Amino acid sequence: MAFYSFDQAVILSSACIGSYAIIRGISCYAGHFYNEFTVIDLIKSGAISTIDPYYWAYVGGFVVLFGVGSLIQFK
């Protein structure tokens, strides 16, 4: 099983790490991307509705980049 899934695991993990790095890099200049611990604190306090809409755009961008990066690497 490990020999069969090795390539898929490497592709998916590198696409995930790369997507996160791109989004985190953009947020260093543009802002509005909360730290993960801040989001956890907001969820615990019930203030999830106060999260900036730009944050959700970053999350959507991460998902899109992850999908595109995975597709490119699988081909």
PDB file of N, CA and C in Angstrom:
ATOM      1  N   MET A   1       0.825  -1.190   0.000  1.00  0.00           N
ATOM      2  CA  MET A   1       0.000   0.000   0.000  1.00  0.00           C
ATOM      3  C   MET A   1       0.875   1.263   0.000  1.00  0.00           C
ATOM      4  N   ALA A   2       1.955   1.226   0.763  1.00  0.00           N
ATOM      5  CA  ALA A   2       2.824   2.399   0.844  1.00  0.00           C
ATOM      6  C   ALA A   2       3.500   2.688  -0.489  1.00  0.00           C
ATOM      7  N   PHE A   3       3.896   1.652  -1.202  1.00  0.00           N
ATOM      8  CA  PHE A   3       4.532   1.859  -2.502  1.00  0.00           C
ATOM      9  C   PHE A   3       3.550   2.424  -3.514  1.00  0.00           C
ATOM     10  N   TYR A   4       2.295   2.023  -3.425  1.00  0.00           N
ATOM     11  CA  TYR A   4       1.278   2.495  -4.361  1.00  0.00           C
ATOM     12  C   TYR A   4       0.906   3.950  -4.095  1.00  0.00           C
ATOM     13  N   SER A   5       0.793   4.323  -2.839  1.00  0.00           N
ATOM     14  CA  SER A   5       0.303   5.665  -2.511  1.00  0.00           C
ATOM     15  C   SER A   5       1.410   6.689  -2.302  1.00  0.00           C
ATOM     16  N   PHE A   6       2.662   6.318  -2.462  1.00  0.00           N
ATOM     17  CA  PHE A   6       3.762   7.255  -2.208  1.00  0.00           C
ATOM     18  C   PHE A   6       3.706   8.462  -3.130  1.00  0.00           C
ATOM     19  N   ASP A   7       3.558   8.242  -4.425  1.00  0.00           N
ATOM     20  CA  ASP A   7       3.534   9.352  -5.375  1.00  0.00           C
ATOM     21  C   ASP A   7       2.351  10.288  -5.119  1.00  0.00           C
ATOM     22  N   GLN A   8       1.188   9.719  -4.842  1.00  0.00           N
ATOM     23  CA  GLN A   8       0.016  10.548  -4.563  1.00  0.00           C
ATOM     24  C   GLN A   8       0.210  11.360  -3.287  1.00  0.00           C
ATOM     25  N   ALA A   9       0.803  10.748  -2.274  1.00  0.00           N
ATOM     26  CA  ALA A   9       1.035  11.465  -1.015  1.00  0.00           C
ATOM     27  C   ALA A   9       2.009  12.623  -1.212  1.00  0.00           C
ATOM     28  N   VAL A  10       3.051  12.407  -1.978  1.00  0.00           N
ATOM     29  CA  VAL A  10       4.033  13.472  -2.230  1.00  0.00           C
ATOM     30  C   VAL A  10       3.391  14.598  -3.037  1.00  0.00           C
ATOM     31  N   ILE A  11       2.599  14.254  -4.042  1.00  0.00           N
ATOM     32  CA  ILE A  11       1.949  15.271  -4.878  1.00  0.00           C
ATOM     33  C   ILE A  11       0.975  16.102  -4.051  1.00  0.00           C
ATOM     34  N   LEU A  12       0.126  15.442  -3.285  1.00  0.00           N
ATOM     35  CA  LEU A  12      -0.870  16.172  -2.513  1.00  0.00           C
ATOM     36  C   LEU A  12      -0.244  17.012  -1.403  1.00  0.00           C
ATOM     37  N   SER A  13       0.772  16.480  -0.749  1.00  0.00           N
ATOM     38  CA  SER A  13       1.397  17.254   0.326  1.00  0.00           C
ATOM     39  C   SER A  13       2.165  18.452  -0.223  1.00  0.00           C
ATOM     40  N   SER A  14       2.844  18.286  -1.339  1.00  0.00           N
ATOM     41  CA  SER A  14       3.570  19.432  -1.902  1.00  0.00           C
ATOM     42  C   SER A  14       2.607  20.482  -2.453  1.00  0.00           C
ATOM     43  N   ALA A  15       1.472  20.051  -3.005  1.00  0.00           N
ATOM     44  CA  ALA A  15       0.470  21.012  -3.473  1.00  0.00           C
ATOM     45  C   ALA A  15      -0.131  21.775  -2.299  1.00  0.00           C
ATOM     46  N   CYS A  16      -0.357  21.094  -1.196  1.00  0.00           N
ATOM     47  CA  CYS A  16      -0.912  21.743  -0.010  1.00  0.00           C
ATOM     48  C   CYS A  16       0.074  22.739   0.590  1.00  0.00           C
ATOM     49  N   ILE A  17       1.305  22.331   0.752  1.00  0.00           N
ATOM     50  CA  ILE A  17       2.321  23.208   1.329  1.00  0.00           C
ATOM     51  C   ILE A  17       2.584  24.405   0.420  1.00  0.00           C
ATOM     52  N   GLY A  18       2.661  24.168  -0.874  1.00  0.00           N
ATOM     53  CA  GLY A  18       2.886  25.260  -1.816  1.00  0.00           C
ATOM     54  C   GLY A  18       1.734  26.247  -1.847  1.00  0.00           C
ATOM     55  N   SER A  19       0.515  25.745  -1.813  1.00  0.00           N
ATOM     56  CA  SER A  19      -0.658  26.626  -1.809  1.00  0.00           C
ATOM     57  C   SER A  19      -0.687  27.483  -0.552  1.00  0.00           C
ATOM     58  N   TYR A  20      -0.396  26.853   0.583  1.00  0.00           N
ATOM     59  CA  TYR A  20      -0.377  27.601   1.834  1.00  0.00           C
ATOM     60  C   TYR A  20       0.723  28.661   1.812  1.00  0.00           C
ATOM     61  N   ALA A  21       1.876  28.312   1.292  1.00  0.00           N
ATOM     62  CA  ALA A  21       2.991  29.271   1.244  1.00  0.00           C
ATOM     63  C   ALA A  21       2.656  30.461   0.346  1.00  0.00           C
ATOM     64  N   ILE A  22       2.005  30.208  -0.770  1.00  0.00           N
ATOM     65  CA  ILE A  22       1.624  31.303  -1.670  1.00  0.00           C
ATOM     66  C   ILE A  22       0.613  32.220  -0.993  1.00  0.00           C
ATOM     67  N   ILE A  23      -0.409  31.635  -0.367  1.00  0.00           N
ATOM     68  CA  ILE A  23      -1.437  32.433   0.304  1.00  0.00           C
ATOM     69  C   ILE A  23      -0.837  33.208   1.470  1.00  0.00           C
ATOM     70  N   ARG A  24       0.017  32.565   2.254  1.00  0.00           N
ATOM     71  CA  ARG A  24       0.645  33.251   3.394  1.00  0.00           C
ATOM     72  C   ARG A  24       1.553  34.374   2.901  1.00  0.00           C
ATOM     73  N   GLY A  25       2.254  34.166   1.787  1.00  0.00           N
ATOM     74  CA  GLY A  25       3.109  35.207   1.229  1.00  0.00           C
ATOM     75  C   GLY A  25       2.319  36.400   0.737  1.00  0.00           C
ATOM     76  N   ILE A  26       1.207  36.139   0.066  1.00  0.00           N
ATOM     77  CA  ILE A  26       0.349  37.242  -0.390  1.00  0.00           C
ATOM     78  C   ILE A  26      -0.197  38.013   0.804  1.00  0.00           C
ATOM     79  N   SER A  27      -0.568  37.280   1.852  1.00  0.00           N
ATOM     80  CA  SER A  27      -1.155  37.950   3.011  1.00  0.00           C
ATOM     81  C   SER A  27      -0.142  38.796   3.769  1.00  0.00           C
ATOM     82  N   CYS A  28       1.137  38.498   3.611  1.00  0.00           N
ATOM     83  CA  CYS A  28       2.156  39.341   4.258  1.00  0.00           C
ATOM     84  C   CYS A  28       2.140  40.753   3.692  1.00  0.00           C
ATOM     85  N   TYR A  29       1.797  40.877   2.420  1.00  0.00           N
ATOM     86  CA  TYR A  29       1.729  42.187   1.791  1.00  0.00           C
ATOM     87  C   TYR A  29       0.319  42.780   1.835  1.00  0.00           C
ATOM     88  N   ALA A  30      -0.680  41.949   1.623  1.00  0.00           N
ATOM     89  CA  ALA A  30      -2.053  42.453   1.509  1.00  0.00           C
ATOM     90  C   ALA A  30      -2.800  42.461   2.835  1.00  0.00           C
ATOM     91  N   GLY A  31      -2.411  41.619   3.773  1.00  0.00           N
ATOM     92  CA  GLY A  31      -3.084  41.559   5.063  1.00  0.00           C
ATOM     93  C   GLY A  31      -4.387  40.776   5.018  1.00  0.00           C
ATOM     94  N   HIS A  32      -5.152  40.866   6.103  1.00  0.00           N
ATOM     95  CA  HIS A  32      -6.497  40.281   6.250  1.00  0.00           C
ATOM     96  C   HIS A  32      -6.506  38.759   6.329  1.00  0.00           C
ATOM     97  N   PHE A  33      -5.377  38.096   6.498  1.00  0.00           N
ATOM     98  CA  PHE A  33      -5.359  36.642   6.654  1.00  0.00           C
ATOM     99  C   PHE A  33      -4.950  36.353   8.082  1.00  0.00           C
ATOM    100  N   TYR A  34      -5.927  35.880   8.869  1.00  0.00           N
ATOM    101  CA  TYR A  34      -5.695  35.668  10.296  1.00  0.00           C
ATOM    102  C   TYR A  34      -4.767  34.489  10.547  1.00  0.00           C
ATOM    103  N   ASN A  35      -4.081  34.572  11.665  1.00  0.00           N
ATOM    104  CA  ASN A  35      -3.293  33.456  12.149  1.00  0.00           C
ATOM    105  C   ASN A  35      -4.256  32.323  12.525  1.00  0.00           C
ATOM    106  N   GLU A  36      -3.820  31.089  12.400  1.00  0.00           N
ATOM    107  CA  GLU A  36      -4.683  29.949  12.678  1.00  0.00           C
ATOM    108  C   GLU A  36      -5.164  29.946  14.122  1.00  0.00           C
ATOM    109  N   PHE A  37      -4.307  30.352  15.042  1.00  0.00           N
ATOM    110  CA  PHE A  37      -4.682  30.378  16.444  1.00  0.00           C
ATOM    111  C   PHE A  37      -5.719  31.465  16.725  1.00  0.00           C
ATOM    112  N   THR A  38      -5.655  32.550  16.001  1.00  0.00           N
ATOM    113  CA  THR A  38      -6.662  33.605  16.129  1.00  0.00           C
ATOM    114  C   THR A  38      -8.023  33.103  15.672  1.00  0.00           C
ATOM    115  N   VAL A  39      -8.059  32.352  14.582  1.00  0.00           N
ATOM    116  CA  VAL A  39      -9.322  31.804  14.084  1.00  0.00           C
ATOM    117  C   VAL A  39      -9.902  30.824  15.099  1.00  0.00           C
ATOM    118  N   ILE A  40      -9.065  29.993  15.707  1.00  0.00           N
ATOM    119  CA  ILE A  40      -9.541  29.054  16.727  1.00  0.00           C
ATOM    120  C   ILE A  40     -10.127  29.803  17.907  1.00  0.00           C
ATOM    121  N   ASP A  41      -9.470  30.891  18.343  1.00  0.00           N
ATOM    122  CA  ASP A  41      -9.993  31.691  19.446  1.00  0.00           C
ATOM    123  C   ASP A  41     -11.324  32.346  19.078  1.00  0.00           C
ATOM    124  N   LEU A  42     -11.466  32.812  17.831  1.00  0.00           N
ATOM    125  CA  LEU A  42     -12.728  33.401  17.392  1.00  0.00           C
ATOM    126  C   LEU A  42     -13.851  32.369  17.377  1.00  0.00           C
ATOM    127  N   ILE A  43     -13.548  31.164  16.960  1.00  0.00           N
ATOM    128  CA  ILE A  43     -14.558  30.100  16.942  1.00  0.00           C
ATOM    129  C   ILE A  43     -14.972  29.742  18.362  1.00  0.00           C
ATOM    130  N   LYS A  44     -14.011  29.634  19.263  1.00  0.00           N
ATOM    131  CA  LYS A  44     -14.321  29.295  20.654  1.00  0.00           C
ATOM    132  C   LYS A  44     -15.160  30.367  21.329  1.00  0.00           C
ATOM    133  N   SER A  45     -14.915  31.627  21.008  1.00  0.00           N
ATOM    134  CA  SER A  45     -15.658  32.715  21.639  1.00  0.00           C
ATOM    135  C   SER A  45     -16.992  32.989  20.952  1.00  0.00           C
ATOM    136  N   GLY A  46     -17.258  32.314  19.849  1.00  0.00           N
ATOM    137  CA  GLY A  46     -18.526  32.500  19.152  1.00  0.00           C
ATOM    138  C   GLY A  46     -18.553  33.699  18.229  1.00  0.00           C
ATOM    139  N   ALA A  47     -17.400  34.254  17.927  1.00  0.00           N
ATOM    140  CA  ALA A  47     -17.317  35.449  17.090  1.00  0.00           C
ATOM    141  C   ALA A  47     -16.954  35.102  15.654  1.00  0.00           C
ATOM    142  N   ILE A  48     -17.374  33.938  15.198  1.00  0.00           N
ATOM    143  CA  ILE A  48     -17.019  33.501  13.841  1.00  0.00           C
ATOM    144  C   ILE A  48     -17.621  34.414  12.784  1.00  0.00           C
ATOM    145  N   SER A  49     -18.733  35.056  13.093  1.00  0.00           N
ATOM    146  CA  SER A  49     -19.374  35.934  12.105  1.00  0.00           C
ATOM    147  C   SER A  49     -18.621  37.245  11.922  1.00  0.00           C
ATOM    148  N   THR A  50     -17.683  37.548  12.806  1.00  0.00           N
ATOM    149  CA  THR A  50     -16.929  38.801  12.692  1.00  0.00           C
ATOM    150  C   THR A  50     -15.679  38.662  11.835  1.00  0.00           C
ATOM    151  N   ILE A  51     -15.443  37.469  11.300  1.00  0.00           N
ATOM    152  CA  ILE A  51     -14.251  37.255  10.471  1.00  0.00           C
ATOM    153  C   ILE A  51     -14.401  38.043   9.180  1.00  0.00           C
ATOM    154  N   ASP A  52     -13.333  38.696   8.795  1.00  0.00           N
ATOM    155  CA  ASP A  52     -13.286  39.531   7.606  1.00  0.00           C
ATOM    156  C   ASP A  52     -13.593  38.707   6.351  1.00  0.00           C
ATOM    157  N   PRO A  53     -14.429  39.221   5.432  1.00  0.00           N
ATOM    158  CA  PRO A  53     -14.719  38.474   4.196  1.00  0.00           C
ATOM    159  C   PRO A  53     -13.478  38.205   3.346  1.00  0.00           C
ATOM    160  N   TYR A  54     -12.473  39.034   3.455  1.00  0.00           N
ATOM    161  CA  TYR A  54     -11.231  38.795   2.720  1.00  0.00           C
ATOM    162  C   TYR A  54     -10.557  37.496   3.172  1.00  0.00           C
ATOM    163  N   TYR A  55     -10.741  37.148   4.441  1.00  0.00           N
ATOM    164  CA  TYR A  55     -10.188  35.892   4.939  1.00  0.00           C
ATOM    165  C   TYR A  55     -10.766  34.715   4.166  1.00  0.00           C
ATOM    166  N   TRP A  56     -12.073  34.764   3.923  1.00  0.00           N
ATOM    167  CA  TRP A  56     -12.716  33.665   3.195  1.00  0.00           C
ATOM    168  C   TRP A  56     -12.277  33.647   1.736  1.00  0.00           C
ATOM    169  N   ALA A  57     -11.918  34.800   1.195  1.00  0.00           N
ATOM    170  CA  ALA A  57     -11.357  34.830  -0.162  1.00  0.00           C
ATOM    171  C   ALA A  57      -9.999  34.131  -0.188  1.00  0.00           C
ATOM    172  N   TYR A  58      -9.194  34.329   0.859  1.00  0.00           N
ATOM    173  CA  TYR A  58      -7.923  33.626   0.966  1.00  0.00           C
ATOM    174  C   TYR A  58      -8.136  32.116   1.060  1.00  0.00           C
ATOM    175  N   VAL A  59      -9.127  31.702   1.845  1.00  0.00           N
ATOM    176  CA  VAL A  59      -9.417  30.278   1.989  1.00  0.00           C
ATOM    177  C   VAL A  59      -9.842  29.691   0.640  1.00  0.00           C
ATOM    178  N   GLY A  60     -10.693  30.413  -0.077  1.00  0.00           N
ATOM    179  CA  GLY A  60     -11.095  29.964  -1.412  1.00  0.00           C
ATOM    180  C   GLY A  60      -9.917  29.906  -2.372  1.00  0.00           C
ATOM    181  N   GLY A  61      -9.034  30.892  -2.300  1.00  0.00           N
ATOM    182  CA  GLY A  61      -7.835  30.888  -3.132  1.00  0.00           C
ATOM    183  C   GLY A  61      -6.929  29.718  -2.812  1.00  0.00           C
ATOM    184  N   PHE A  62      -6.845  29.371  -1.534  1.00  0.00           N
ATOM    185  CA  PHE A  62      -6.045  28.213  -1.142  1.00  0.00           C
ATOM    186  C   PHE A  62      -6.608  26.936  -1.759  1.00  0.00           C
ATOM    187  N   VAL A  63      -7.922  26.782  -1.704  1.00  0.00           N
ATOM    188  CA  VAL A  63      -8.548  25.581  -2.260  1.00  0.00           C
ATOM    189  C   VAL A  63      -8.329  25.507  -3.772  1.00  0.00           C
ATOM    190  N   VAL A  64      -8.479  26.648  -4.446  1.00  0.00           N
ATOM    191  CA  VAL A  64      -8.279  26.672  -5.901  1.00  0.00           C
ATOM    192  C   VAL A  64      -6.825  26.361  -6.246  1.00  0.00           C
ATOM    193  N   LEU A  65      -5.892  26.974  -5.550  1.00  0.00           N
ATOM    194  CA  LEU A  65      -4.474  26.704  -5.813  1.00  0.00           C
ATOM    195  C   LEU A  65      -4.108  25.254  -5.520  1.00  0.00           C
ATOM    196  N   PHE A  66      -4.689  24.693  -4.473  1.00  0.00           N
ATOM    197  CA  PHE A  66      -4.444  23.296  -4.151  1.00  0.00           C
ATOM    198  C   PHE A  66      -4.951  22.389  -5.270  1.00  0.00           C
ATOM    199  N   GLY A  67      -6.130  22.674  -5.771  1.00  0.00           N
ATOM    200  CA  GLY A  67      -6.684  21.884  -6.860  1.00  0.00           C
ATOM    201  C   GLY A  67      -5.876  22.004  -8.138  1.00  0.00           C
ATOM    202  N   VAL A  68      -5.514  23.214  -8.500  1.00  0.00           N
ATOM    203  CA  VAL A  68      -4.731  23.434  -9.725  1.00  0.00           C
ATOM    204  C   VAL A  68      -3.342  22.806  -9.597  1.00  0.00           C
ATOM    205  N   GLY A  69      -2.700  23.001  -8.455  1.00  0.00           N
ATOM    206  CA  GLY A  69      -1.377  22.415  -8.252  1.00  0.00           C
ATOM    207  C   GLY A  69      -1.409  20.898  -8.292  1.00  0.00           C
ATOM    208  N   SER A  70      -2.439  20.316  -7.712  1.00  0.00           N
ATOM    209  CA  SER A  70      -2.576  18.857  -7.738  1.00  0.00           C
ATOM    210  C   SER A  70      -2.794  18.354  -9.152  1.00  0.00           C
ATOM    211  N   LEU A  71      -3.664  19.014  -9.881  1.00  0.00           N
ATOM    212  CA  LEU A  71      -3.943  18.576 -11.256  1.00  0.00           C
ATOM    213  C   LEU A  71      -2.709  18.664 -12.147  1.00  0.00           C
ATOM    214  N   ILE A  72      -1.976  19.750 -12.007  1.00  0.00           N
ATOM    215  CA  ILE A  72      -0.768  19.913 -12.818  1.00  0.00           C
ATOM    216  C   ILE A  72       0.253  18.820 -12.490  1.00  0.00           C
ATOM    217  N   GLN A  73       0.417  18.528 -11.215  1.00  0.00           N
ATOM    218  CA  GLN A  73       1.407  17.523 -10.841  1.00  0.00           C
ATOM    219  C   GLN A  73       0.973  16.109 -11.201  1.00  0.00           C
ATOM    220  N   PHE A  74      -0.315  15.829 -11.143  1.00  0.00           N
ATOM    221  CA  PHE A  74      -0.786  14.487 -11.514  1.00  0.00           C
ATOM    222  C   PHE A  74      -0.625  14.225 -12.997  1.00  0.00           C
ATOM    223  N   LYS A  75      -0.674  15.287 -13.804  1.00  0.00           N
ATOM    224  CA  LYS A  75      -0.484  15.104 -15.251  1.00  0.00           C
ATOM    225  C   LYS A  75       0.995  15.015 -15.522  1.00  0.00           C
TER     226      LYS A  75
END
